[in-house]
């Protein structure tokens, strides 16, 4: 099972980096890949992990004085992605979605 998520941070320079690091910390415990800038495919073992990730991301967004937005998909099982990415990225995606 996996989710796909993406975020947008309305900040620049060091502040953007700080917020991005806080958001990354929310998915650090999980296996994930970043196929496109600020878009992540995160492997989850059970539905509650999606709730945990969503809550953590929400806390970062609410506690930031900058505008931070994110979008998280429902939990997905199987299926496949299509697009134009480097071959090694496809291998990393498949490891998390299979």
PDB file of N, CA and C in Angstrom:
ATOM      1  N   UNK A   1       0.843  -1.176   0.000  1.00  0.00           N
ATOM      2  CA  UNK A   1       0.000   0.000   0.000  1.00  0.00           C
ATOM      3  C   UNK A   1       0.886   1.237   0.000  1.00  0.00           C
ATOM      4  N   UNK A   2       0.356   2.285  -0.575  1.00  0.00           N
ATOM      5  CA  UNK A   2       1.120   3.524  -0.629  1.00  0.00           C
ATOM      6  C   UNK A   2       0.175   4.710  -0.778  1.00  0.00           C
ATOM      7  N   UNK A   3       0.728   5.881  -0.518  1.00  0.00           N
ATOM      8  CA  UNK A   3       0.051   7.145  -0.785  1.00  0.00           C
ATOM      9  C   UNK A   3       0.986   8.010  -1.604  1.00  0.00           C
ATOM     10  N   UNK A   4       0.414   8.917  -2.345  1.00  0.00           N
ATOM     11  CA  UNK A   4       1.222   9.916  -3.027  1.00  0.00           C
ATOM     12  C   UNK A   4       0.888  11.252  -2.396  1.00  0.00           C
ATOM     13  N   UNK A   5       1.899  12.053  -2.130  1.00  0.00           N
ATOM     14  CA  UNK A   5       1.658  13.367  -1.559  1.00  0.00           C
ATOM     15  C   UNK A   5       2.562  14.392  -2.192  1.00  0.00           C
ATOM     16  N   UNK A   6       2.099  15.617  -2.129  1.00  0.00           N
ATOM     17  CA  UNK A   6       2.838  16.738  -2.688  1.00  0.00           C
ATOM     18  C   UNK A   6       2.603  17.950  -1.805  1.00  0.00           C
ATOM     19  N   UNK A   7       3.605  18.818  -1.733  1.00  0.00           N
ATOM     20  CA  UNK A   7       3.413  20.044  -0.964  1.00  0.00           C
ATOM     21  C   UNK A   7       4.006  21.240  -1.678  1.00  0.00           C
ATOM     22  N   UNK A   8       3.517  22.394  -1.256  1.00  0.00           N
ATOM     23  CA  UNK A   8       3.952  23.678  -1.796  1.00  0.00           C
ATOM     24  C   UNK A   8       4.191  24.609  -0.619  1.00  0.00           C
ATOM     25  N   UNK A   9       5.342  25.232  -0.593  1.00  0.00           N
ATOM     26  CA  UNK A   9       5.739  26.104   0.508  1.00  0.00           C
ATOM     27  C   UNK A   9       5.930  27.511  -0.037  1.00  0.00           C
ATOM     28  N   UNK A  10       5.197  28.470   0.513  1.00  0.00           N
ATOM     29  CA  UNK A  10       5.301  29.859   0.090  1.00  0.00           C
ATOM     30  C   UNK A  10       6.320  30.575   0.970  1.00  0.00           C
ATOM     31  N   UNK A  11       7.568  30.237   0.751  1.00  0.00           N
ATOM     32  CA  UNK A  11       8.685  30.850   1.483  1.00  0.00           C
ATOM     33  C   UNK A  11       9.912  30.752   0.575  1.00  0.00           C
ATOM     34  N   UNK A  12      10.969  31.449   0.948  1.00  0.00           N
ATOM     35  CA  UNK A  12      12.192  31.430   0.147  1.00  0.00           C
ATOM     36  C   UNK A  12      13.404  31.188   1.039  1.00  0.00           C
ATOM     37  N   UNK A  13      14.485  30.786   0.396  1.00  0.00           N
ATOM     38  CA  UNK A  13      15.770  30.656   1.073  1.00  0.00           C
ATOM     39  C   UNK A  13      15.767  29.690   2.229  1.00  0.00           C
ATOM     40  N   UNK A  14      16.424  30.112   3.308  1.00  0.00           N
ATOM     41  CA  UNK A  14      16.557  29.257   4.486  1.00  0.00           C
ATOM     42  C   UNK A  14      15.212  28.876   5.087  1.00  0.00           C
ATOM     43  N   UNK A  15      14.264  29.774   5.039  1.00  0.00           N
ATOM     44  CA  UNK A  15      12.959  29.469   5.627  1.00  0.00           C
ATOM     45  C   UNK A  15      12.263  28.352   4.843  1.00  0.00           C
ATOM     46  N   UNK A  16      12.363  28.394   3.513  1.00  0.00           N
ATOM     47  CA  UNK A  16      11.806  27.309   2.701  1.00  0.00           C
ATOM     48  C   UNK A  16      12.455  25.985   3.093  1.00  0.00           C
ATOM     49  N   UNK A  17      13.772  25.997   3.231  1.00  0.00           N
ATOM     50  CA  UNK A  17      14.503  24.779   3.611  1.00  0.00           C
ATOM     51  C   UNK A  17      14.067  24.264   4.981  1.00  0.00           C
ATOM     52  N   UNK A  18      13.868  25.162   5.928  1.00  0.00           N
ATOM     53  CA  UNK A  18      13.443  24.753   7.275  1.00  0.00           C
ATOM     54  C   UNK A  18      12.072  24.077   7.248  1.00  0.00           C
ATOM     55  N   UNK A  19      11.136  24.676   6.537  1.00  0.00           N
ATOM     56  CA  UNK A  19       9.795  24.100   6.465  1.00  0.00           C
ATOM     57  C   UNK A  19       9.825  22.774   5.708  1.00  0.00           C
ATOM     58  N   UNK A  20      10.554  22.738   4.612  1.00  0.00           N
ATOM     59  CA  UNK A  20      10.670  21.498   3.846  1.00  0.00           C
ATOM     60  C   UNK A  20      11.252  20.383   4.717  1.00  0.00           C
ATOM     61  N   UNK A  21      12.252  20.705   5.508  1.00  0.00           N
ATOM     62  CA  UNK A  21      12.837  19.710   6.419  1.00  0.00           C
ATOM     63  C   UNK A  21      11.811  19.218   7.441  1.00  0.00           C
ATOM     64  N   UNK A  22      10.963  20.109   7.927  1.00  0.00           N
ATOM     65  CA  UNK A  22       9.914  19.712   8.872  1.00  0.00           C
ATOM     66  C   UNK A  22       8.915  18.764   8.201  1.00  0.00           C
ATOM     67  N   UNK A  23       8.557  19.061   6.964  1.00  0.00           N
ATOM     68  CA  UNK A  23       7.634  18.198   6.230  1.00  0.00           C
ATOM     69  C   UNK A  23       8.278  16.841   5.941  1.00  0.00           C
ATOM     70  N   UNK A  24       9.539  16.864   5.542  1.00  0.00           N
ATOM     71  CA  UNK A  24      10.252  15.601   5.298  1.00  0.00           C
ATOM     72  C   UNK A  24      10.332  14.745   6.558  1.00  0.00           C
ATOM     73  N   UNK A  25      10.465  15.374   7.710  1.00  0.00           N
ATOM     74  CA  UNK A  25      10.523  14.628   8.967  1.00  0.00           C
ATOM     75  C   UNK A  25       9.228  13.833   9.196  1.00  0.00           C
ATOM     76  N   UNK A  26       8.129  14.303   8.641  1.00  0.00           N
ATOM     77  CA  UNK A  26       6.837  13.610   8.795  1.00  0.00           C
ATOM     78  C   UNK A  26       6.812  12.270   8.070  1.00  0.00           C
ATOM     79  N   UNK A  27       7.609  12.133   7.017  1.00  0.00           N
ATOM     80  CA  UNK A  27       7.628  10.874   6.266  1.00  0.00           C
ATOM     81  C   UNK A  27       8.927  10.098   6.456  1.00  0.00           C
ATOM     82  N   UNK A  28       9.832  10.640   7.245  1.00  0.00           N
ATOM     83  CA  UNK A  28      11.133   9.992   7.452  1.00  0.00           C
ATOM     84  C   UNK A  28      11.013   8.546   7.934  1.00  0.00           C
ATOM     85  N   UNK A  29      10.064   8.199   8.822  1.00  0.00           N
ATOM     86  CA  UNK A  29       9.989   6.819   9.301  1.00  0.00           C
ATOM     87  C   UNK A  29       9.538   5.807   8.233  1.00  0.00           C
ATOM     88  N   UNK A  30       9.106   6.286   7.081  1.00  0.00           N
ATOM     89  CA  UNK A  30       8.542   5.418   6.054  1.00  0.00           C
ATOM     90  C   UNK A  30       9.487   5.310   4.866  1.00  0.00           C
ATOM     91  N   UNK A  31       9.264   4.289   4.062  1.00  0.00           N
ATOM     92  CA  UNK A  31      10.001   4.143   2.816  1.00  0.00           C
ATOM     93  C   UNK A  31       9.329   5.017   1.768  1.00  0.00           C
ATOM     94  N   UNK A  32      10.079   5.921   1.157  1.00  0.00           N
ATOM     95  CA  UNK A  32       9.499   6.845   0.196  1.00  0.00           C
ATOM     96  C   UNK A  32      10.472   7.143  -0.932  1.00  0.00           C
ATOM     97  N   UNK A  33       9.928   7.663  -2.007  1.00  0.00           N
ATOM     98  CA  UNK A  33      10.726   8.108  -3.147  1.00  0.00           C
ATOM     99  C   UNK A  33      10.150   9.432  -3.625  1.00  0.00           C
ATOM    100  N   UNK A  34      11.019  10.293  -4.123  1.00  0.00           N
ATOM    101  CA  UNK A  34      10.603  11.594  -4.653  1.00  0.00           C
ATOM    102  C   UNK A  34      10.846  11.593  -6.162  1.00  0.00           C
ATOM    103  N   UNK A  35       9.817  11.218  -6.955  1.00  0.00           N
ATOM    104  CA  UNK A  35      10.028  11.166  -8.403  1.00  0.00           C
ATOM    105  C   UNK A  35      10.077  12.540  -9.064  1.00  0.00           C
ATOM    106  N   UNK A  36       9.394  13.514  -8.469  1.00  0.00           N
ATOM    107  CA  UNK A  36       9.334  14.883  -8.994  1.00  0.00           C
ATOM    108  C   UNK A  36       9.426  15.831  -7.801  1.00  0.00           C
ATOM    109  N   UNK A  37       9.992  16.987  -8.005  1.00  0.00           N
ATOM    110  CA  UNK A  37      10.185  17.977  -6.943  1.00  0.00           C
ATOM    111  C   UNK A  37       8.937  18.119  -6.080  1.00  0.00           C
ATOM    112  N   UNK A  38       9.087  17.887  -4.776  1.00  0.00           N
ATOM    113  CA  UNK A  38       8.023  18.023  -3.779  1.00  0.00           C
ATOM    114  C   UNK A  38       6.830  17.092  -4.000  1.00  0.00           C
ATOM    115  N   UNK A  39       7.037  15.997  -4.693  1.00  0.00           N
ATOM    116  CA  UNK A  39       6.029  14.954  -4.857  1.00  0.00           C
ATOM    117  C   UNK A  39       6.659  13.644  -4.388  1.00  0.00           C
ATOM    118  N   UNK A  40       5.944  12.958  -3.516  1.00  0.00           N
ATOM    119  CA  UNK A  40       6.493  11.770  -2.861  1.00  0.00           C
ATOM    120  C   UNK A  40       5.521  10.606  -2.958  1.00  0.00           C
ATOM    121  N   UNK A  41       6.063   9.417  -3.144  1.00  0.00           N
ATOM    122  CA  UNK A  41       5.302   8.182  -3.040  1.00  0.00           C
ATOM    123  C   UNK A  41       5.802   7.511  -1.777  1.00  0.00           C
ATOM    124  N   UNK A  42       4.888   7.292  -0.836  1.00  0.00           N
ATOM    125  CA  UNK A  42       5.247   6.808   0.493  1.00  0.00           C
ATOM    126  C   UNK A  42       4.583   5.453   0.724  1.00  0.00           C
ATOM    127  N   UNK A  43       5.381   4.469   1.045  1.00  0.00           N
ATOM    128  CA  UNK A  43       4.859   3.139   1.352  1.00  0.00           C
ATOM    129  C   UNK A  43       4.299   3.135   2.769  1.00  0.00           C
ATOM    130  N   UNK A  44       3.086   2.616   2.921  1.00  0.00           N
ATOM    131  CA  UNK A  44       2.468   2.479   4.239  1.00  0.00           C
ATOM    132  C   UNK A  44       2.041   1.030   4.425  1.00  0.00           C
ATOM    133  N   UNK A  45       2.083   0.556   5.665  1.00  0.00           N
ATOM    134  CA  UNK A  45       1.733  -0.835   5.953  1.00  0.00           C
ATOM    135  C   UNK A  45       0.270  -0.993   6.337  1.00  0.00           C
ATOM    136  N   UNK A  46      -0.323   0.065   6.886  1.00  0.00           N
ATOM    137  CA  UNK A  46      -1.731   0.009   7.286  1.00  0.00           C
ATOM    138  C   UNK A  46      -2.326   1.411   7.213  1.00  0.00           C
ATOM    139  N   UNK A  47      -3.682   1.476   7.220  1.00  0.00           N
ATOM    140  CA  UNK A  47      -4.403   2.729   7.000  1.00  0.00           C
ATOM    141  C   UNK A  47      -4.075   3.788   8.035  1.00  0.00           C
ATOM    142  N   UNK A  48      -3.831   3.399   9.265  1.00  0.00           N
ATOM    143  CA  UNK A  48      -3.551   4.368  10.323  1.00  0.00           C
ATOM    144  C   UNK A  48      -2.287   5.181  10.036  1.00  0.00           C
ATOM    145  N   UNK A  49      -1.372   4.625   9.270  1.00  0.00           N
ATOM    146  CA  UNK A  49      -0.150   5.363   8.948  1.00  0.00           C
ATOM    147  C   UNK A  49      -0.460   6.577   8.070  1.00  0.00           C
ATOM    148  N   UNK A  50      -1.447   6.461   7.187  1.00  0.00           N
ATOM    149  CA  UNK A  50      -1.846   7.611   6.388  1.00  0.00           C
ATOM    150  C   UNK A  50      -2.370   8.711   7.299  1.00  0.00           C
ATOM    151  N   UNK A  51      -3.175   8.332   8.289  1.00  0.00           N
ATOM    152  CA  UNK A  51      -3.715   9.300   9.243  1.00  0.00           C
ATOM    153  C   UNK A  51      -2.589   9.971  10.020  1.00  0.00           C
ATOM    154  N   UNK A  52      -1.605   9.200  10.430  1.00  0.00           N
ATOM    155  CA  UNK A  52      -0.451   9.741  11.156  1.00  0.00           C
ATOM    156  C   UNK A  52       0.315  10.747  10.301  1.00  0.00           C
ATOM    157  N   UNK A  53       0.560  10.391   9.052  1.00  0.00           N
ATOM    158  CA  UNK A  53       1.279  11.284   8.146  1.00  0.00           C
ATOM    159  C   UNK A  53       0.479  12.565   7.918  1.00  0.00           C
ATOM    160  N   UNK A  54      -0.821  12.417   7.664  1.00  0.00           N
ATOM    161  CA  UNK A  54      -1.683  13.577   7.419  1.00  0.00           C
ATOM    162  C   UNK A  54      -1.691  14.513   8.622  1.00  0.00           C
ATOM    163  N   UNK A  55      -1.802  13.959   9.823  1.00  0.00           N
ATOM    164  CA  UNK A  55      -1.804  14.786  11.038  1.00  0.00           C
ATOM    165  C   UNK A  55      -0.489  15.525  11.210  1.00  0.00           C
ATOM    166  N   UNK A  56       0.611  14.842  10.964  1.00  0.00           N
ATOM    167  CA  UNK A  56       1.924  15.474  11.120  1.00  0.00           C
ATOM    168  C   UNK A  56       2.112  16.606  10.107  1.00  0.00           C
ATOM    169  N   UNK A  57       1.727  16.367   8.857  1.00  0.00           N
ATOM    170  CA  UNK A  57       1.833  17.411   7.835  1.00  0.00           C
ATOM    171  C   UNK A  57       0.938  18.601   8.167  1.00  0.00           C
ATOM    172  N   UNK A  58      -0.265  18.320   8.655  1.00  0.00           N
ATOM    173  CA  UNK A  58      -1.199  19.372   9.041  1.00  0.00           C
ATOM    174  C   UNK A  58      -0.618  20.229  10.153  1.00  0.00           C
ATOM    175  N   UNK A  59       0.022  19.604  11.117  1.00  0.00           N
ATOM    176  CA  UNK A  59       0.646  20.363  12.214  1.00  0.00           C
ATOM    177  C   UNK A  59       1.722  21.305  11.700  1.00  0.00           C
ATOM    178  N   UNK A  60       2.533  20.837  10.759  1.00  0.00           N
ATOM    179  CA  UNK A  60       3.560  21.716  10.193  1.00  0.00           C
ATOM    180  C   UNK A  60       2.906  22.889   9.484  1.00  0.00           C
ATOM    181  N   UNK A  61       1.892  22.611   8.670  1.00  0.00           N
ATOM    182  CA  UNK A  61       1.219  23.678   7.921  1.00  0.00           C
ATOM    183  C   UNK A  61       0.552  24.686   8.851  1.00  0.00           C
ATOM    184  N   UNK A  62      -0.151  24.202   9.882  1.00  0.00           N
ATOM    185  CA  UNK A  62      -0.843  25.095  10.819  1.00  0.00           C
ATOM    186  C   UNK A  62       0.120  25.952  11.630  1.00  0.00           C
ATOM    187  N   UNK A  63       1.274  25.395  11.966  1.00  0.00           N
ATOM    188  CA  UNK A  63       2.223  26.100  12.832  1.00  0.00           C
ATOM    189  C   UNK A  63       3.208  26.972  12.072  1.00  0.00           C
ATOM    190  N   UNK A  64       3.091  27.030  10.772  1.00  0.00           N
ATOM    191  CA  UNK A  64       3.974  27.868   9.963  1.00  0.00           C
ATOM    192  C   UNK A  64       3.314  29.220   9.725  1.00  0.00           C
ATOM    193  N   UNK A  65       4.093  30.277   9.839  1.00  0.00           N
ATOM    194  CA  UNK A  65       3.543  31.601   9.553  1.00  0.00           C
ATOM    195  C   UNK A  65       3.450  31.818   8.030  1.00  0.00           C
ATOM    196  N   UNK A  66       4.155  30.985   7.260  1.00  0.00           N
ATOM    197  CA  UNK A  66       4.062  31.025   5.810  1.00  0.00           C
ATOM    198  C   UNK A  66       2.912  30.127   5.349  1.00  0.00           C
ATOM    199  N   UNK A  67       2.493  30.314   4.125  1.00  0.00           N
ATOM    200  CA  UNK A  67       1.442  29.488   3.555  1.00  0.00           C
ATOM    201  C   UNK A  67       2.049  28.158   3.100  1.00  0.00           C
ATOM    202  N   UNK A  68       1.613  27.075   3.712  1.00  0.00           N
ATOM    203  CA  UNK A  68       2.076  25.733   3.377  1.00  0.00           C
ATOM    204  C   UNK A  68       0.848  24.909   3.001  1.00  0.00           C
ATOM    205  N   UNK A  69       0.867  24.347   1.804  1.00  0.00           N
ATOM    206  CA  UNK A  69      -0.231  23.508   1.335  1.00  0.00           C
ATOM    207  C   UNK A  69       0.297  22.116   1.032  1.00  0.00           C
ATOM    208  N   UNK A  70      -0.553  21.106   1.234  1.00  0.00           N
ATOM    209  CA  UNK A  70      -0.185  19.762   0.822  1.00  0.00           C
ATOM    210  C   UNK A  70      -1.422  19.021   0.371  1.00  0.00           C
ATOM    211  N   UNK A  71      -1.198  17.978  -0.405  1.00  0.00           N
ATOM    212  CA  UNK A  71      -2.255  17.118  -0.904  1.00  0.00           C
ATOM    213  C   UNK A  71      -1.787  15.688  -0.736  1.00  0.00           C
ATOM    214  N   UNK A  72      -2.644  14.825  -0.175  1.00  0.00           N
ATOM    215  CA  UNK A  72      -2.291  13.423   0.023  1.00  0.00           C
ATOM    216  C   UNK A  72      -3.400  12.561  -0.578  1.00  0.00           C
ATOM    217  N   UNK A  73      -2.998  11.542  -1.294  1.00  0.00           N
ATOM    218  CA  UNK A  73      -3.965  10.664  -1.955  1.00  0.00           C
ATOM    219  C   UNK A  73      -4.572   9.685  -0.953  1.00  0.00           C
ATOM    220  N   UNK A  74      -5.653   9.043  -1.364  1.00  0.00           N
ATOM    221  CA  UNK A  74      -6.128   7.910  -0.568  1.00  0.00           C
ATOM    222  C   UNK A  74      -5.073   6.800  -0.620  1.00  0.00           C
ATOM    223  N   UNK A  75      -5.197   5.833   0.245  1.00  0.00           N
ATOM    224  CA  UNK A  75      -4.298   4.677   0.196  1.00  0.00           C
ATOM    225  C   UNK A  75      -4.588   3.900  -1.078  1.00  0.00           C
ATOM    226  N   UNK A  76      -3.525   3.531  -1.761  1.00  0.00           N
ATOM    227  CA  UNK A  76      -3.642   2.776  -3.003  1.00  0.00           C
ATOM    228  C   UNK A  76      -2.922   1.443  -2.849  1.00  0.00           C
ATOM    229  N   UNK A  77      -3.484   0.426  -3.461  1.00  0.00           N
ATOM    230  CA  UNK A  77      -2.852  -0.884  -3.500  1.00  0.00           C
ATOM    231  C   UNK A  77      -2.681  -1.273  -4.954  1.00  0.00           C
ATOM    232  N   UNK A  78      -1.456  -1.649  -5.294  1.00  0.00           N
ATOM    233  CA  UNK A  78      -1.198  -2.063  -6.666  1.00  0.00           C
ATOM    234  C   UNK A  78      -1.317  -0.909  -7.628  1.00  0.00           C
ATOM    235  N   UNK A  79      -1.732  -1.249  -8.842  1.00  0.00           N
ATOM    236  CA  UNK A  79      -1.817  -0.219  -9.868  1.00  0.00           C
ATOM    237  C   UNK A  79      -0.442   0.152 -10.374  1.00  0.00           C
ATOM    238  N   UNK A  80      -0.387   1.151 -11.177  1.00  0.00           N
ATOM    239  CA  UNK A  80       0.901   1.572 -11.711  1.00  0.00           C
ATOM    240  C   UNK A  80       0.863   3.022 -12.135  1.00  0.00           C
ATOM    241  N   UNK A  81       1.998   3.618 -12.140  1.00  0.00           N
ATOM    242  CA  UNK A  81       2.144   5.000 -12.568  1.00  0.00           C
ATOM    243  C   UNK A  81       2.689   5.017 -13.991  1.00  0.00           C
ATOM    244  N   UNK A  82       2.361   6.041 -14.729  1.00  0.00           N
ATOM    245  CA  UNK A  82       2.899   6.268 -16.060  1.00  0.00           C
ATOM    246  C   UNK A  82       3.526   7.643 -16.075  1.00  0.00           C
ATOM    247  N   UNK A  83       4.525   7.805 -16.885  1.00  0.00           N
ATOM    248  CA  UNK A  83       5.177   9.095 -17.012  1.00  0.00           C
ATOM    249  C   UNK A  83       6.538   8.951 -17.654  1.00  0.00           C
ATOM    250  N   UNK A  84       7.293  10.019 -17.610  1.00  0.00           N
ATOM    251  CA  UNK A  84       8.633  10.060 -18.191  1.00  0.00           C
ATOM    252  C   UNK A  84       9.614  10.392 -17.084  1.00  0.00           C
ATOM    253  N   UNK A  85      10.279   9.353 -16.580  1.00  0.00           N
ATOM    254  CA  UNK A  85      11.226   9.491 -15.469  1.00  0.00           C
ATOM    255  C   UNK A  85      12.458   8.647 -15.754  1.00  0.00           C
ATOM    256  N   UNK A  86      13.576   8.921 -15.087  1.00  0.00           N
ATOM    257  CA  UNK A  86      14.741   8.060 -15.232  1.00  0.00           C
ATOM    258  C   UNK A  86      14.424   6.618 -14.808  1.00  0.00           C
ATOM    259  N   UNK A  87      15.054   5.651 -15.461  1.00  0.00           N
ATOM    260  CA  UNK A  87      14.775   4.238 -15.204  1.00  0.00           C
ATOM    261  C   UNK A  87      14.962   3.865 -13.740  1.00  0.00           C
ATOM    262  N   UNK A  88      16.014   4.370 -13.088  1.00  0.00           N
ATOM    263  CA  UNK A  88      16.239   4.019 -11.682  1.00  0.00           C
ATOM    264  C   UNK A  88      15.126   4.543 -10.776  1.00  0.00           C
ATOM    265  N   UNK A  89      14.480   5.641 -11.161  1.00  0.00           N
ATOM    266  CA  UNK A  89      13.347   6.159 -10.394  1.00  0.00           C
ATOM    267  C   UNK A  89      12.171   5.194 -10.484  1.00  0.00           C
ATOM    268  N   UNK A  90      11.944   4.607 -11.654  1.00  0.00           N
ATOM    269  CA  UNK A  90      10.862   3.630 -11.796  1.00  0.00           C
ATOM    270  C   UNK A  90      11.087   2.434 -10.887  1.00  0.00           C
ATOM    271  N   UNK A  91      12.309   2.004 -10.771  1.00  0.00           N
ATOM    272  CA  UNK A  91      12.621   0.879  -9.878  1.00  0.00           C
ATOM    273  C   UNK A  91      12.299   1.247  -8.431  1.00  0.00           C
ATOM    274  N   UNK A  92      12.630   2.448  -8.017  1.00  0.00           N
ATOM    275  CA  UNK A  92      12.337   2.900  -6.655  1.00  0.00           C
ATOM    276  C   UNK A  92      10.837   3.023  -6.421  1.00  0.00           C
ATOM    277  N   UNK A  93      10.108   3.504  -7.412  1.00  0.00           N
ATOM    278  CA  UNK A  93       8.642   3.591  -7.302  1.00  0.00           C
ATOM    279  C   UNK A  93       8.052   2.199  -7.157  1.00  0.00           C
ATOM    280  N   UNK A  94       8.477   1.294  -8.018  1.00  0.00           N
ATOM    281  CA  UNK A  94       7.925  -0.066  -7.995  1.00  0.00           C
ATOM    282  C   UNK A  94       8.200  -0.789  -6.679  1.00  0.00           C
ATOM    283  N   UNK A  95       9.301  -0.491  -6.042  1.00  0.00           N
ATOM    284  CA  UNK A  95       9.607  -1.095  -4.737  1.00  0.00           C
ATOM    285  C   UNK A  95       8.586  -0.668  -3.686  1.00  0.00           C
ATOM    286  N   UNK A  96       8.002   0.496  -3.821  1.00  0.00           N
ATOM    287  CA  UNK A  96       7.083   1.019  -2.825  1.00  0.00           C
ATOM    288  C   UNK A  96       5.609   0.785  -3.166  1.00  0.00           C
ATOM    289  N   UNK A  97       5.341   0.435  -4.416  1.00  0.00           N
ATOM    290  CA  UNK A  97       3.951   0.282  -4.846  1.00  0.00           C
ATOM    291  C   UNK A  97       3.558  -1.161  -5.127  1.00  0.00           C
ATOM    292  N   UNK A  98       4.513  -2.043  -5.196  1.00  0.00           N
ATOM    293  CA  UNK A  98       4.222  -3.456  -5.529  1.00  0.00           C
ATOM    294  C   UNK A  98       3.561  -4.189  -4.376  1.00  0.00           C
TER     295      UNK A  98
END
